[in-house]
Amino acid sequence: MLTKEIDIYCFATYQTDKSSPENNTFIFSYTIKISNNSNQNINLLTRHWLITDGNAQVREVYGHGVLGQQPLILPGECFTYTSYAVLDTAIGFMEGKYKMSRSDGSVFDAHIQKFNLIQPNAIH
């Protein structure tokens, strides 16, 4: 999704070896790639996720930066990281936003479009 000259791509993968469906534990890794297409440095300040499971239960996650970092992304560069989400159901989705600042001091929200978390063969 393009927000203020920032592209955010999301890819999720079900973690079969770490999940335990018999205990209603479904683990998904997700990789986020943030591309800075602007002419200014961009700093990722905070994150806000809405994680929704197949029972429509929503969990909100707030925090400073990602993975303990507040990365500085230079013009034309990308920042990529991988994290995970745990659901009680085989399907769900995530969406959210990053609070970001530009080198000129302006602050904006970079919205992250909804992406699916789906165990293979969970939907027929």
Protein backbone atom coordinates (compact mmCIF):
# COMPACT_ATOMS: atom_id res chain seq x y z
CA MET A 1 0.00 0.00 0.00
CA LEU A 2 1.31 3.49 -0.86
CA THR A 3 1.03 6.08 1.92
CA LYS A 4 2.92 9.37 1.67
CA GLU A 5 5.51 7.87 -0.71
CA ILE A 6 5.94 4.77 1.44
CA ASP A 7 5.19 1.29 0.04
CA ILE A 8 4.39 -1.46 2.53
CA TYR A 9 4.25 -5.08 1.36
CA CYS A 10 3.08 -7.91 3.64
CA PHE A 11 3.57 -11.66 3.20
CA ALA A 12 2.25 -14.22 5.70
CA THR A 13 3.15 -17.90 6.06
CA TYR A 14 1.57 -20.56 8.25
CA GLN A 15 4.12 -22.22 10.55
CA THR A 16 3.11 -25.89 10.52
CA ASP A 17 5.99 -27.06 12.71
CA LYS A 18 5.30 -24.47 15.44
CA SER A 19 1.49 -24.65 15.42
CA SER A 20 -0.70 -26.98 17.43
CA PRO A 21 -4.18 -27.13 15.87
CA GLU A 22 -5.34 -29.68 18.47
CA ASN A 23 -4.68 -26.96 21.09
CA ASN A 24 -6.16 -24.16 18.94
CA THR A 25 -2.73 -22.60 18.43
CA PHE A 26 -2.07 -21.39 14.90
CA ILE A 27 1.19 -19.56 14.36
CA PHE A 28 1.85 -17.37 11.34
CA SER A 29 5.05 -15.59 10.42
CA TYR A 30 4.73 -12.41 8.45
CA THR A 31 7.33 -10.43 6.57
CA ILE A 32 6.96 -6.70 6.11
CA LYS A 33 8.92 -4.73 3.52
CA ILE A 34 8.80 -0.93 3.83
CA SER A 35 10.14 1.04 0.85
CA ASN A 36 10.95 4.74 1.10
CA ASN A 37 10.16 6.30 -2.27
CA SER A 38 10.42 9.86 -0.96
CA ASN A 39 13.34 12.28 -1.02
CA GLN A 40 13.57 12.41 2.79
CA ASN A 41 14.74 10.05 5.52
CA ILE A 42 11.84 8.23 7.16
CA ASN A 43 11.92 6.98 10.76
CA LEU A 44 9.48 4.32 11.95
CA LEU A 45 8.38 5.44 15.42
CA THR A 46 5.50 3.20 16.54
CA ARG A 47 3.27 0.37 15.38
CA HIS A 48 -0.41 -0.38 15.89
CA TRP A 49 -1.80 -3.72 14.76
CA LEU A 50 -5.35 -5.08 14.74
CA ILE A 51 -5.20 -8.87 14.65
CA THR A 52 -8.57 -10.55 14.04
CA ASP A 53 -9.15 -14.30 14.32
CA GLY A 54 -11.82 -16.45 12.68
CA ASN A 55 -14.16 -15.85 15.64
CA ALA A 56 -14.00 -12.07 15.03
CA GLN A 57 -11.98 -11.60 18.23
CA VAL A 58 -9.72 -8.56 17.79
CA ARG A 59 -6.42 -8.11 19.56
CA GLU A 60 -4.67 -4.74 19.44
CA VAL A 61 -0.89 -4.51 19.60
CA TYR A 62 0.90 -1.21 20.21
CA GLY A 63 4.60 -0.62 20.55
CA HIS A 64 7.64 1.48 19.82
CA GLY A 65 9.20 0.61 16.48
CA VAL A 66 9.45 -3.00 15.35
CA LEU A 67 11.58 -5.80 16.80
CA GLY A 68 13.03 -3.38 19.34
CA GLN A 69 14.17 -0.97 16.63
CA GLN A 70 13.01 2.36 15.30
CA PRO A 71 14.59 2.01 11.88
CA LEU A 72 15.72 4.97 9.80
CA ILE A 73 14.95 4.32 6.13
CA LEU A 74 16.91 6.47 3.71
CA PRO A 75 15.44 7.69 0.40
CA GLY A 76 15.28 4.86 -2.12
CA GLU A 77 15.99 2.21 0.50
CA CYS A 78 13.92 -0.55 2.11
CA PHE A 79 13.59 -2.03 5.56
CA THR A 80 12.41 -5.65 5.86
CA TYR A 81 11.61 -7.62 8.98
CA THR A 82 9.83 -10.81 9.96
CA SER A 83 7.67 -11.34 13.04
CA TYR A 84 4.81 -13.62 14.00
CA ALA A 85 1.21 -13.73 15.17
CA VAL A 86 -0.58 -16.43 17.14
CA LEU A 87 -4.27 -17.11 16.52
CA ASP A 88 -6.82 -19.39 18.20
CA THR A 89 -8.31 -20.18 14.78
CA ALA A 90 -6.99 -21.43 11.42
CA ILE A 91 -7.91 -18.19 9.68
CA GLY A 92 -7.72 -14.51 10.44
CA PHE A 93 -6.21 -11.28 9.23
CA MET A 94 -4.07 -8.34 10.29
CA GLU A 95 -4.08 -4.65 9.47
CA GLY A 96 -2.62 -1.60 11.09
CA LYS A 97 -0.42 1.44 10.82
CA TYR A 98 3.02 2.77 11.55
CA LYS A 99 3.58 6.26 12.93
CA MET A 100 6.49 7.66 10.94
CA SER A 101 8.45 10.88 10.80
CA ARG A 102 10.27 12.58 7.96
CA SER A 103 13.64 14.32 8.22
CA ASP A 104 11.80 17.67 7.98
CA GLY A 105 10.10 16.83 11.31
CA SER A 106 6.64 16.09 9.94
CA VAL A 107 4.85 13.02 11.30
CA PHE A 108 2.35 10.80 9.46
CA ASP A 109 0.58 7.44 9.65
CA ALA A 110 1.53 4.82 7.08
CA HIS A 111 -1.48 2.50 6.83
CA ILE A 112 -1.00 -1.22 6.38
CA GLN A 113 -3.73 -2.87 4.33
CA LYS A 114 -5.44 -5.98 5.61
CA PHE A 115 -3.61 -9.22 4.82
CA ASN A 116 -4.82 -12.76 5.46
CA LEU A 117 -3.54 -15.35 7.89
CA ILE A 118 -4.79 -18.70 6.62
CA GLN A 119 -3.73 -22.24 7.44
CA PRO A 120 -3.36 -24.19 4.16
CA ASN A 121 -6.54 -26.14 3.35
CA ALA A 122 -8.49 -24.29 6.05
CA ILE A 123 -10.83 -22.87 3.41
CA HIS A 124 -12.42 -25.28 0.96
